[in-house]
Amino acid sequence: LLATLVLIFAFQADNITGKALHVALIAVPILIQVYFNSSLTYGLMRL
């Protein structure tokens, strides 16, 4: 799994570094989803 990730990022380095807006457009919703799911789970467990 780690080797696959390294290879994917190595072969896509130009796309990742050259298209920062596209990376942000993908990363921001994922971060929002992770924080939302974590907060929801934490809140429900406390409730």
All heavy atoms as atom14 arrays in JSON, in Angstrom:
{
  "sequence": "LLATLVLIFAFQADNITGKALHVALIAVPILIQVYFNSSLTYGLMRL",
  "atom14_mask": [
    [1, 1, 1, 1, 1, 1, 1, 1, 0, 0, 0, 0, 0, 0],
    [1, 1, 1, 1, 1, 1, 1, 1, 0, 0, 0, 0, 0, 0],
    [1, 1, 1, 1, 1, 0, 0, 0, 0, 0, 0, 0, 0, 0],
    [1, 1, 1, 1, 1, 1, 1, 0, 0, 0, 0, 0, 0, 0],
    [1, 1, 1, 1, 1, 1, 1, 1, 0, 0, 0, 0, 0, 0],
    [1, 1, 1, 1, 1, 1, 1, 0, 0, 0, 0, 0, 0, 0],
    [1, 1, 1, 1, 1, 1, 1, 1, 0, 0, 0, 0, 0, 0],
    [1, 1, 1, 1, 1, 1, 1, 1, 0, 0, 0, 0, 0, 0],
    [1, 1, 1, 1, 1, 1, 1, 1, 1, 1, 1, 0, 0, 0],
    [1, 1, 1, 1, 1, 0, 0, 0, 0, 0, 0, 0, 0, 0],
    [1, 1, 1, 1, 1, 1, 1, 1, 1, 1, 1, 0, 0, 0],
    [1, 1, 1, 1, 1, 1, 1, 1, 1, 0, 0, 0, 0, 0],
    [1, 1, 1, 1, 1, 0, 0, 0, 0, 0, 0, 0, 0, 0],
    [1, 1, 1, 1, 1, 1, 1, 1, 0, 0, 0, 0, 0, 0],
    [1, 1, 1, 1, 1, 1, 1, 1, 0, 0, 0, 0, 0, 0],
    [1, 1, 1, 1, 1, 1, 1, 1, 0, 0, 0, 0, 0, 0],
    [1, 1, 1, 1, 1, 1, 1, 0, 0, 0, 0, 0, 0, 0],
    [1, 1, 1, 1, 0, 0, 0, 0, 0, 0, 0, 0, 0, 0],
    [1, 1, 1, 1, 1, 1, 1, 1, 1, 0, 0, 0, 0, 0],
    [1, 1, 1, 1, 1, 0, 0, 0, 0, 0, 0, 0, 0, 0],
    [1, 1, 1, 1, 1, 1, 1, 1, 0, 0, 0, 0, 0, 0],
    [1, 1, 1, 1, 1, 1, 1, 1, 1, 1, 0, 0, 0, 0],
    [1, 1, 1, 1, 1, 1, 1, 0, 0, 0, 0, 0, 0, 0],
    [1, 1, 1, 1, 1, 0, 0, 0, 0, 0, 0, 0, 0, 0],
    [1, 1, 1, 1, 1, 1, 1, 1, 0, 0, 0, 0, 0, 0],
    [1, 1, 1, 1, 1, 1, 1, 1, 0, 0, 0, 0, 0, 0],
    [1, 1, 1, 1, 1, 0, 0, 0, 0, 0, 0, 0, 0, 0],
    [1, 1, 1, 1, 1, 1, 1, 0, 0, 0, 0, 0, 0, 0],
    [1, 1, 1, 1, 1, 1, 1, 0, 0, 0, 0, 0, 0, 0],
    [1, 1, 1, 1, 1, 1, 1, 1, 0, 0, 0, 0, 0, 0],
    [1, 1, 1, 1, 1, 1, 1, 1, 0, 0, 0, 0, 0, 0],
    [1, 1, 1, 1, 1, 1, 1, 1, 0, 0, 0, 0, 0, 0],
    [1, 1, 1, 1, 1, 1, 1, 1, 1, 0, 0, 0, 0, 0],
    [1, 1, 1, 1, 1, 1, 1, 0, 0, 0, 0, 0, 0, 0],
    [1, 1, 1, 1, 1, 1, 1, 1, 1, 1, 1, 1, 0, 0],
    [1, 1, 1, 1, 1, 1, 1, 1, 1, 1, 1, 0, 0, 0],
    [1, 1, 1, 1, 1, 1, 1, 1, 0, 0, 0, 0, 0, 0],
    [1, 1, 1, 1, 1, 1, 0, 0, 0, 0, 0, 0, 0, 0],
    [1, 1, 1, 1, 1, 1, 0, 0, 0, 0, 0, 0, 0, 0],
    [1, 1, 1, 1, 1, 1, 1, 1, 0, 0, 0, 0, 0, 0],
    [1, 1, 1, 1, 1, 1, 1, 0, 0, 0, 0, 0, 0, 0],
    [1, 1, 1, 1, 1, 1, 1, 1, 1, 1, 1, 1, 0, 0],
    [1, 1, 1, 1, 0, 0, 0, 0, 0, 0, 0, 0, 0, 0],
    [1, 1, 1, 1, 1, 1, 1, 1, 0, 0, 0, 0, 0, 0],
    [1, 1, 1, 1, 1, 1, 1, 1, 0, 0, 0, 0, 0, 0],
    [1, 1, 1, 1, 1, 1, 1, 1, 1, 1, 1, 0, 0, 0],
    [1, 1, 1, 1, 1, 1, 1, 1, 0, 0, 0, 0, 0, 0]
  ],
  "atom14_positions": [
    [[0.83, -1.2, 0.0], [0.0, 0.0, 0.0], [0.87, 1.26, 0.0], [0.63, 2.2, -0.78], [-0.93, 0.0, 1.21], [-1.78, 1.26, 1.38], [-2.72, 1.46, 0.21], [-2.56, 1.17, 2.68], [0.0, 0.0, 0.0], [0.0, 0.0, 0.0], [0.0, 0.0, 0.0], [0.0, 0.0, 0.0], [0.0, 0.0, 0.0], [0.0, 0.0, 0.0]],
    [[1.88, 1.29, 0.86], [2.77, 2.45, 0.9], [3.53, 2.62, -0.41], [3.7, 3.75, -0.89], [3.74, 2.32, 2.07], [3.12, 2.48, 3.45], [4.15, 2.19, 4.53], [2.55, 3.88, 3.63], [0.0, 0.0, 0.0], [0.0, 0.0, 0.0], [0.0, 0.0, 0.0], [0.0, 0.0, 0.0], [0.0, 0.0, 0.0], [0.0, 0.0, 0.0]],
    [[3.98, 1.54, -0.99], [4.69, 1.62, -2.27], [3.77, 2.15, -3.36], [4.18, 2.97, -4.2], [5.25, 0.25, -2.66], [0.0, 0.0, 0.0], [0.0, 0.0, 0.0], [0.0, 0.0, 0.0], [0.0, 0.0, 0.0], [0.0, 0.0, 0.0], [0.0, 0.0, 0.0], [0.0, 0.0, 0.0], [0.0, 0.0, 0.0], [0.0, 0.0, 0.0]],
    [[2.52, 1.72, -3.36], [1.55, 2.21, -4.34], [1.34, 3.7, -4.2], [1.33, 4.44, -5.19], [0.21, 1.46, -4.17], [0.42, 0.07, -4.32], [-0.81, 1.94, -5.18], [0.0, 0.0, 0.0], [0.0, 0.0, 0.0], [0.0, 0.0, 0.0], [0.0, 0.0, 0.0], [0.0, 0.0, 0.0], [0.0, 0.0, 0.0], [0.0, 0.0, 0.0]],
    [[1.18, 4.17, -2.96], [1.0, 5.61, -2.73], [2.22, 6.41, -3.18], [2.08, 7.47, -3.82], [0.69, 5.88, -1.26], [-0.67, 5.4, -0.78], [-0.78, 5.58, 0.72], [-1.78, 6.13, -1.5], [0.0, 0.0, 0.0], [0.0, 0.0, 0.0], [0.0, 0.0, 0.0], [0.0, 0.0, 0.0], [0.0, 0.0, 0.0], [0.0, 0.0, 0.0]],
    [[3.4, 5.91, -2.86], [4.62, 6.61, -3.25], [4.72, 6.68, -4.78], [5.03, 7.74, -5.35], [5.87, 5.92, -2.66], [7.15, 6.42, -3.3], [5.91, 6.13, -1.16], [0.0, 0.0, 0.0], [0.0, 0.0, 0.0], [0.0, 0.0, 0.0], [0.0, 0.0, 0.0], [0.0, 0.0, 0.0], [0.0, 0.0, 0.0], [0.0, 0.0, 0.0]],
    [[4.42, 5.59, -5.45], [4.5, 5.59, -6.91], [3.46, 6.51, -7.54], [3.75, 7.23, -8.51], [4.33, 4.16, -7.44], [5.51, 3.24, -7.19], [5.18, 1.81, -7.61], [6.74, 3.74, -7.93], [0.0, 0.0, 0.0], [0.0, 0.0, 0.0], [0.0, 0.0, 0.0], [0.0, 0.0, 0.0], [0.0, 0.0, 0.0], [0.0, 0.0, 0.0]],
    [[2.24, 6.5, -7.0], [1.2, 7.38, -7.53], [1.62, 8.83, -7.4], [1.54, 9.62, -8.36], [-0.14, 7.13, -6.82], [-0.74, 5.8, -7.28], [-1.13, 8.27, -7.1], [-1.96, 5.38, -6.49], [0.0, 0.0, 0.0], [0.0, 0.0, 0.0], [0.0, 0.0, 0.0], [0.0, 0.0, 0.0], [0.0, 0.0, 0.0], [0.0, 0.0, 0.0]],
    [[2.1, 9.22, -6.21], [2.51, 10.6, -6.01], [3.77, 10.93, -6.81], [3.93, 12.06, -7.27], [2.68, 10.91, -4.52], [1.38, 11.12, -3.82], [0.85, 10.13, -3.02], [0.68, 12.3, -3.98], [-0.35, 10.31, -2.37], [-0.53, 12.5, -3.34], [-1.05, 11.51, -2.53], [0.0, 0.0, 0.0], [0.0, 0.0, 0.0], [0.0, 0.0, 0.0]],
    [[4.66, 9.98, -6.98], [5.88, 10.25, -7.76], [5.55, 10.5, -9.22], [6.1, 11.43, -9.84], [6.84, 9.07, -7.63], [0.0, 0.0, 0.0], [0.0, 0.0, 0.0], [0.0, 0.0, 0.0], [0.0, 0.0, 0.0], [0.0, 0.0, 0.0], [0.0, 0.0, 0.0], [0.0, 0.0, 0.0], [0.0, 0.0, 0.0], [0.0, 0.0, 0.0]],
    [[4.64, 9.71, -9.78], [4.3, 9.88, -11.2], [3.37, 11.07, -11.44], [3.27, 11.55, -12.56], [3.69, 8.6, -11.76], [4.68, 7.51, -11.99], [4.58, 6.31, -11.31], [5.74, 7.67, -12.88], [5.51, 5.3, -11.51], [6.67, 6.68, -13.09], [6.55, 5.48, -12.4], [0.0, 0.0, 0.0], [0.0, 0.0, 0.0], [0.0, 0.0, 0.0]],
    [[2.68, 11.52, -10.4], [1.77, 12.65, -10.55], [2.31, 13.94, -9.92], [1.56, 14.87, -9.69], [0.41, 12.3, -9.91], [-0.31, 11.17, -10.6], [-0.64, 11.48, -12.05], [-1.0, 12.61, -12.38], [-0.5, 10.49, -12.91], [0.0, 0.0, 0.0], [0.0, 0.0, 0.0], [0.0, 0.0, 0.0], [0.0, 0.0, 0.0], [0.0, 0.0, 0.0]],
    [[3.6, 13.98, -9.65], [4.19, 15.14, -8.97], [3.96, 16.43, -9.76], [3.66, 17.48, -9.18], [5.67, 14.92, -8.75], [0.0, 0.0, 0.0], [0.0, 0.0, 0.0], [0.0, 0.0, 0.0], [0.0, 0.0, 0.0], [0.0, 0.0, 0.0], [0.0, 0.0, 0.0], [0.0, 0.0, 0.0], [0.0, 0.0, 0.0], [0.0, 0.0, 0.0]],
    [[4.08, 16.39, -11.08], [3.87, 17.59, -11.89], [2.43, 18.1, -11.78], [2.2, 19.29, -11.68], [4.2, 17.32, -13.36], [5.68, 17.06, -13.58], [6.48, 17.51, -12.73], [6.02, 16.41, -14.58], [0.0, 0.0, 0.0], [0.0, 0.0, 0.0], [0.0, 0.0, 0.0], [0.0, 0.0, 0.0], [0.0, 0.0, 0.0], [0.0, 0.0, 0.0]],
    [[1.49, 17.17, -11.79], [0.08, 17.58, -11.66], [-0.21, 18.14, -10.28], [-0.96, 19.11, -10.15], [-0.85, 16.4, -11.94], [-0.9, 16.06, -13.4], [-0.78, 16.93, -14.26], [-1.09, 14.78, -13.7], [0.0, 0.0, 0.0], [0.0, 0.0, 0.0], [0.0, 0.0, 0.0], [0.0, 0.0, 0.0], [0.0, 0.0, 0.0], [0.0, 0.0, 0.0]],
    [[0.37, 17.55, -9.27], [0.1, 18.0, -7.89], [0.71, 19.37, -7.65], [0.06, 20.26, -7.09], [0.63, 16.96, -6.88], [-0.19, 15.67, -6.97], [0.57, 17.51, -5.46], [0.39, 14.52, -6.2], [0.0, 0.0, 0.0], [0.0, 0.0, 0.0], [0.0, 0.0, 0.0], [0.0, 0.0, 0.0], [0.0, 0.0, 0.0], [0.0, 0.0, 0.0]],
    [[1.95, 19.55, -8.06], [2.61, 20.83, -7.81], [2.17, 21.92, -8.78], [2.15, 23.09, -8.44], [4.15, 20.68, -7.88], [4.5, 20.16, -9.16], [4.64, 19.78, -6.78], [0.0, 0.0, 0.0], [0.0, 0.0, 0.0], [0.0, 0.0, 0.0], [0.0, 0.0, 0.0], [0.0, 0.0, 0.0], [0.0, 0.0, 0.0], [0.0, 0.0, 0.0]],
    [[1.79, 21.55, -9.98], [1.42, 22.53, -10.99], [-0.03, 22.96, -10.93], [-0.4, 23.99, -11.51], [0.0, 0.0, 0.0], [0.0, 0.0, 0.0], [0.0, 0.0, 0.0], [0.0, 0.0, 0.0], [0.0, 0.0, 0.0], [0.0, 0.0, 0.0], [0.0, 0.0, 0.0], [0.0, 0.0, 0.0], [0.0, 0.0, 0.0], [0.0, 0.0, 0.0]],
    [[-0.86, 22.19, -10.29], [-2.29, 22.5, -10.25], [-2.78, 22.57, -8.8], [-3.61, 21.78, -8.36], [-3.07, 21.45, -11.03], [-2.67, 21.38, -12.48], [-3.39, 20.29, -13.22], [-2.9, 20.24, -14.66], [-3.47, 19.12, -15.39], [0.0, 0.0, 0.0], [0.0, 0.0, 0.0], [0.0, 0.0, 0.0], [0.0, 0.0, 0.0], [0.0, 0.0, 0.0]],
    [[-2.24, 23.53, -8.08], [-2.55, 23.65, -6.66], [-4.03, 23.91, -6.42], [-4.6, 23.42, -5.44], [-1.72, 24.76, -6.03], [0.0, 0.0, 0.0], [0.0, 0.0, 0.0], [0.0, 0.0, 0.0], [0.0, 0.0, 0.0], [0.0, 0.0, 0.0], [0.0, 0.0, 0.0], [0.0, 0.0, 0.0], [0.0, 0.0, 0.0], [0.0, 0.0, 0.0]],
    [[-4.67, 24.67, -7.29], [-6.1, 24.94, -7.12], [-6.92, 23.66, -7.2], [-7.83, 23.43, -6.41], [-6.59, 25.95, -8.16], [-8.08, 26.28, -8.1], [-8.41, 26.95, -6.77], [-8.48, 27.16, -9.27], [0.0, 0.0, 0.0], [0.0, 0.0, 0.0], [0.0, 0.0, 0.0], [0.0, 0.0, 0.0], [0.0, 0.0, 0.0], [0.0, 0.0, 0.0]],
    [[-6.58, 22.79, -8.14], [-7.29, 21.52, -8.27], [-7.1, 20.65, -7.03], [-8.04, 20.0, -6.56], [-6.83, 20.77, -9.52], [-7.2, 21.46, -10.79], [-6.3, 21.63, -11.8], [-8.34, 22.05, -11.21], [-6.87, 22.28, -12.79], [-8.12, 22.54, -12.45], [0.0, 0.0, 0.0], [0.0, 0.0, 0.0], [0.0, 0.0, 0.0], [0.0, 0.0, 0.0]],
    [[-5.89, 20.64, -6.52], [-5.61, 19.87, -5.3], [-6.43, 20.43, -4.14], [-7.04, 19.68, -3.36], [-4.1, 19.89, -4.97], [-3.83, 19.26, -3.62], [-3.32, 19.18, -6.06], [0.0, 0.0, 0.0], [0.0, 0.0, 0.0], [0.0, 0.0, 0.0], [0.0, 0.0, 0.0], [0.0, 0.0, 0.0], [0.0, 0.0, 0.0], [0.0, 0.0, 0.0]],
    [[-6.49, 21.75, -4.02], [-7.28, 22.36, -2.94], [-8.77, 22.07, -3.11], [-9.47, 21.83, -2.12], [-7.04, 23.87, -2.9], [0.0, 0.0, 0.0], [0.0, 0.0, 0.0], [0.0, 0.0, 0.0], [0.0, 0.0, 0.0], [0.0, 0.0, 0.0], [0.0, 0.0, 0.0], [0.0, 0.0, 0.0], [0.0, 0.0, 0.0], [0.0, 0.0, 0.0]],
    [[-9.25, 22.09, -4.34], [-10.66, 21.8, -4.59], [-11.03, 20.37, -4.21], [-12.19, 20.08, -3.91], [-11.02, 22.07, -6.06], [-11.07, 23.53, -6.47], [-11.27, 23.65, -7.98], [-12.18, 24.25, -5.72], [0.0, 0.0, 0.0], [0.0, 0.0, 0.0], [0.0, 0.0, 0.0], [0.0, 0.0, 0.0], [0.0, 0.0, 0.0], [0.0, 0.0, 0.0]],
    [[-10.07, 19.5, -4.22], [-10.3, 18.12, -3.8], [-10.08, 17.97, -2.3], [-10.85, 17.32, -1.6], [-9.39, 17.16, -4.59], [-9.78, 17.16, -6.06], [-9.45, 15.75, -4.01], [-8.79, 16.45, -6.96], [0.0, 0.0, 0.0], [0.0, 0.0, 0.0], [0.0, 0.0, 0.0], [0.0, 0.0, 0.0], [0.0, 0.0, 0.0], [0.0, 0.0, 0.0]],
    [[-9.02, 18.6, -1.78], [-8.63, 18.41, -0.38], [-9.6, 19.06, 0.6], [-9.89, 18.49, 1.65], [-7.22, 18.93, -0.16], [0.0, 0.0, 0.0], [0.0, 0.0, 0.0], [0.0, 0.0, 0.0], [0.0, 0.0, 0.0], [0.0, 0.0, 0.0], [0.0, 0.0, 0.0], [0.0, 0.0, 0.0], [0.0, 0.0, 0.0], [0.0, 0.0, 0.0]],
    [[-10.08, 20.26, 0.29], [-10.94, 20.98, 1.24], [-12.22, 20.22, 1.54], [-12.57, 20.03, 2.71], [-11.19, 22.43, 0.75], [-12.27, 23.1, 1.58], [-9.9, 23.22, 0.79], [0.0, 0.0, 0.0], [0.0, 0.0, 0.0], [0.0, 0.0, 0.0], [0.0, 0.0, 0.0], [0.0, 0.0, 0.0], [0.0, 0.0, 0.0], [0.0, 0.0, 0.0]],
    [[-12.98, 19.74, 0.55], [-14.19, 18.97, 0.89], [-13.89, 17.7, 1.68], [-14.66, 17.3, 2.55], [-14.81, 18.63, -0.46], [-14.25, 19.62, -1.4], [-12.89, 19.97, -0.88], [0.0, 0.0, 0.0], [0.0, 0.0, 0.0], [0.0, 0.0, 0.0], [0.0, 0.0, 0.0], [0.0, 0.0, 0.0], [0.0, 0.0, 0.0], [0.0, 0.0, 0.0]],
    [[-12.76, 17.07, 1.38], [-12.4, 15.86, 2.13], [-12.11, 16.21, 3.58], [-12.54, 15.5, 4.5], [-11.2, 15.14, 1.46], [-11.64, 14.56, 0.12], [-10.65, 14.05, 2.37], [-10.51, 14.0, -0.71], [0.0, 0.0, 0.0], [0.0, 0.0, 0.0], [0.0, 0.0, 0.0], [0.0, 0.0, 0.0], [0.0, 0.0, 0.0], [0.0, 0.0, 0.0]],
    [[-11.39, 17.29, 3.82], [-11.12, 17.72, 5.2], [-12.42, 18.07, 5.93], [-12.6, 17.69, 7.09], [-10.18, 18.92, 5.2], [-8.72, 18.62, 4.96], [-7.93, 19.91, 4.81], [-8.16, 17.79, 6.09], [0.0, 0.0, 0.0], [0.0, 0.0, 0.0], [0.0, 0.0, 0.0], [0.0, 0.0, 0.0], [0.0, 0.0, 0.0], [0.0, 0.0, 0.0]],
    [[-13.32, 18.78, 5.25], [-14.6, 19.11, 5.86], [-15.36, 17.85, 6.23], [-15.93, 17.73, 7.31], [-15.43, 20.01, 4.92], [-14.77, 21.38, 4.8], [-16.87, 20.15, 5.42], [-15.37, 22.27, 3.73], [0.0, 0.0, 0.0], [0.0, 0.0, 0.0], [0.0, 0.0, 0.0], [0.0, 0.0, 0.0], [0.0, 0.0, 0.0], [0.0, 0.0, 0.0]],
    [[-15.36, 16.88, 5.33], [-16.06, 15.61, 5.59], [-15.46, 14.89, 6.79], [-16.18, 14.37, 7.65], [-15.99, 14.72, 4.36], [-16.64, 13.37, 4.57], [-16.45, 12.45, 3.37], [-15.84, 12.82, 2.38], [-16.96, 11.24, 3.48], [0.0, 0.0, 0.0], [0.0, 0.0, 0.0], [0.0, 0.0, 0.0], [0.0, 0.0, 0.0], [0.0, 0.0, 0.0]],
    [[-14.13, 14.83, 6.87], [-13.48, 14.13, 7.98], [-13.82, 14.81, 9.31], [-14.18, 14.15, 10.28], [-11.96, 14.07, 7.75], [-11.23, 13.65, 9.02], [-11.64, 13.12, 6.62], [0.0, 0.0, 0.0], [0.0, 0.0, 0.0], [0.0, 0.0, 0.0], [0.0, 0.0, 0.0], [0.0, 0.0, 0.0], [0.0, 0.0, 0.0], [0.0, 0.0, 0.0]],
    [[-13.71, 16.14, 9.36], [-14.03, 16.86, 10.59], [-15.5, 16.73, 10.95], [-15.86, 16.57, 12.12], [-13.63, 18.33, 10.49], [-12.16, 18.54, 10.69], [-11.37, 19.03, 9.66], [-11.55, 18.25, 11.89], [-10.01, 19.23, 9.83], [-10.19, 18.43, 12.08], [-9.43, 18.93, 11.05], [-8.09, 19.11, 11.23], [0.0, 0.0, 0.0], [0.0, 0.0, 0.0]],
    [[-16.39, 16.77, 9.97], [-17.82, 16.61, 10.23], [-18.13, 15.23, 10.79], [-18.83, 15.09, 11.79], [-18.64, 16.87, 8.96], [-20.1, 16.57, 9.13], [-20.92, 17.46, 9.81], [-20.66, 15.4, 8.64], [-22.27, 17.2, 9.99], [-21.99, 15.12, 8.81], [-22.81, 16.02, 9.49], [0.0, 0.0, 0.0], [0.0, 0.0, 0.0], [0.0, 0.0, 0.0]],
    [[-17.6, 14.2, 10.14], [-17.87, 12.84, 10.6], [-17.3, 12.6, 11.99], [-17.95, 11.96, 12.83], [-17.29, 11.82, 9.62], [-18.06, 11.75, 8.33], [-19.2, 12.2, 8.25], [-17.44, 11.21, 7.3], [0.0, 0.0, 0.0], [0.0, 0.0, 0.0], [0.0, 0.0, 0.0], [0.0, 0.0, 0.0], [0.0, 0.0, 0.0], [0.0, 0.0, 0.0]],
    [[-16.11, 13.1, 12.25], [-15.51, 12.93, 13.57], [-16.32, 13.65, 14.64], [-16.57, 13.11, 15.72], [-14.07, 13.46, 13.58], [-13.3, 12.76, 12.65], [0.0, 0.0, 0.0], [0.0, 0.0, 0.0], [0.0, 0.0, 0.0], [0.0, 0.0, 0.0], [0.0, 0.0, 0.0], [0.0, 0.0, 0.0], [0.0, 0.0, 0.0], [0.0, 0.0, 0.0]],
    [[-16.73, 14.87, 14.34], [-17.53, 15.64, 15.3], [-18.88, 14.99, 15.54], [-19.36, 14.93, 16.68], [-17.73, 17.07, 14.8], [-16.5, 17.7, 14.61], [0.0, 0.0, 0.0], [0.0, 0.0, 0.0], [0.0, 0.0, 0.0], [0.0, 0.0, 0.0], [0.0, 0.0, 0.0], [0.0, 0.0, 0.0], [0.0, 0.0, 0.0], [0.0, 0.0, 0.0]],
    [[-19.51, 14.51, 14.5], [-20.81, 13.85, 14.63], [-20.69, 12.6, 15.5], [-21.49, 12.38, 16.41], [-21.36, 13.49, 13.26], [-22.7, 12.76, 13.24], [-23.8, 13.66, 13.79], [-23.03, 12.32, 11.83], [0.0, 0.0, 0.0], [0.0, 0.0, 0.0], [0.0, 0.0, 0.0], [0.0, 0.0, 0.0], [0.0, 0.0, 0.0], [0.0, 0.0, 0.0]],
    [[-19.66, 11.81, 15.24], [-19.46, 10.59, 16.02], [-19.18, 10.92, 17.48], [-19.76, 10.32, 18.39], [-18.3, 9.78, 15.44], [-18.59, 9.48, 14.08], [-18.08, 8.5, 16.2], [0.0, 0.0, 0.0], [0.0, 0.0, 0.0], [0.0, 0.0, 0.0], [0.0, 0.0, 0.0], [0.0, 0.0, 0.0], [0.0, 0.0, 0.0], [0.0, 0.0, 0.0]],
    [[-18.33, 11.9, 17.71], [-18.01, 12.31, 19.08], [-19.28, 12.8, 19.79], [-19.55, 12.41, 20.93], [-16.96, 13.42, 19.06], [-16.61, 13.95, 20.43], [-15.78, 13.23, 21.27], [-17.13, 15.16, 20.88], [-15.46, 13.71, 22.53], [-16.82, 15.64, 22.14], [-15.99, 14.92, 22.96], [-15.68, 15.39, 24.2], [0.0, 0.0, 0.0], [0.0, 0.0, 0.0]],
    [[-20.05, 13.63, 19.11], [-21.29, 14.15, 19.71], [-22.29, 13.06, 20.02], [-22.92, 13.06, 21.09], [0.0, 0.0, 0.0], [0.0, 0.0, 0.0], [0.0, 0.0, 0.0], [0.0, 0.0, 0.0], [0.0, 0.0, 0.0], [0.0, 0.0, 0.0], [0.0, 0.0, 0.0], [0.0, 0.0, 0.0], [0.0, 0.0, 0.0], [0.0, 0.0, 0.0]],
    [[-22.46, 12.13, 19.11], [-23.41, 11.04, 19.34], [-22.96, 10.13, 20.47], [-23.79, 9.67, 21.27], [-23.61, 10.23, 18.06], [-24.41, 10.92, 16.96], [-24.38, 10.1, 15.67], [-25.84, 11.16, 17.4], [0.0, 0.0, 0.0], [0.0, 0.0, 0.0], [0.0, 0.0, 0.0], [0.0, 0.0, 0.0], [0.0, 0.0, 0.0], [0.0, 0.0, 0.0]],
    [[-21.68, 9.87, 20.55], [-21.18, 9.03, 21.64], [-21.4, 9.72, 22.99], [-21.75, 9.07, 23.98], [-19.7, 8.71, 21.45], [-19.39, 7.83, 20.26], [-20.18, 6.22, 20.34], [-21.28, 6.33, 18.95], [0.0, 0.0, 0.0], [0.0, 0.0, 0.0], [0.0, 0.0, 0.0], [0.0, 0.0, 0.0], [0.0, 0.0, 0.0], [0.0, 0.0, 0.0]],
    [[-21.2, 11.03, 23.04], [-21.47, 11.77, 24.3], [-22.96, 11.81, 24.61], [-23.36, 11.67, 25.76], [-20.91, 13.18, 24.22], [-19.41, 13.14, 24.22], [-18.74, 14.23, 24.88], [-19.4, 14.86, 25.99], [-18.76, 15.39, 27.0], [-17.45, 15.3, 27.01], [-19.38, 16.0, 27.96], [0.0, 0.0, 0.0], [0.0, 0.0, 0.0], [0.0, 0.0, 0.0]],
    [[-23.77, 12.03, 23.58], [-25.23, 12.1, 23.77], [-25.77, 10.79, 24.34], [-26.6, 10.8, 25.25], [-25.92, 12.42, 22.44], [-27.44, 12.48, 22.47], [-27.91, 13.68, 23.27], [-27.98, 12.53, 21.05], [0.0, 0.0, 0.0], [0.0, 0.0, 0.0], [0.0, 0.0, 0.0], [0.0, 0.0, 0.0], [0.0, 0.0, 0.0], [0.0, 0.0, 0.0]]
  ]
}
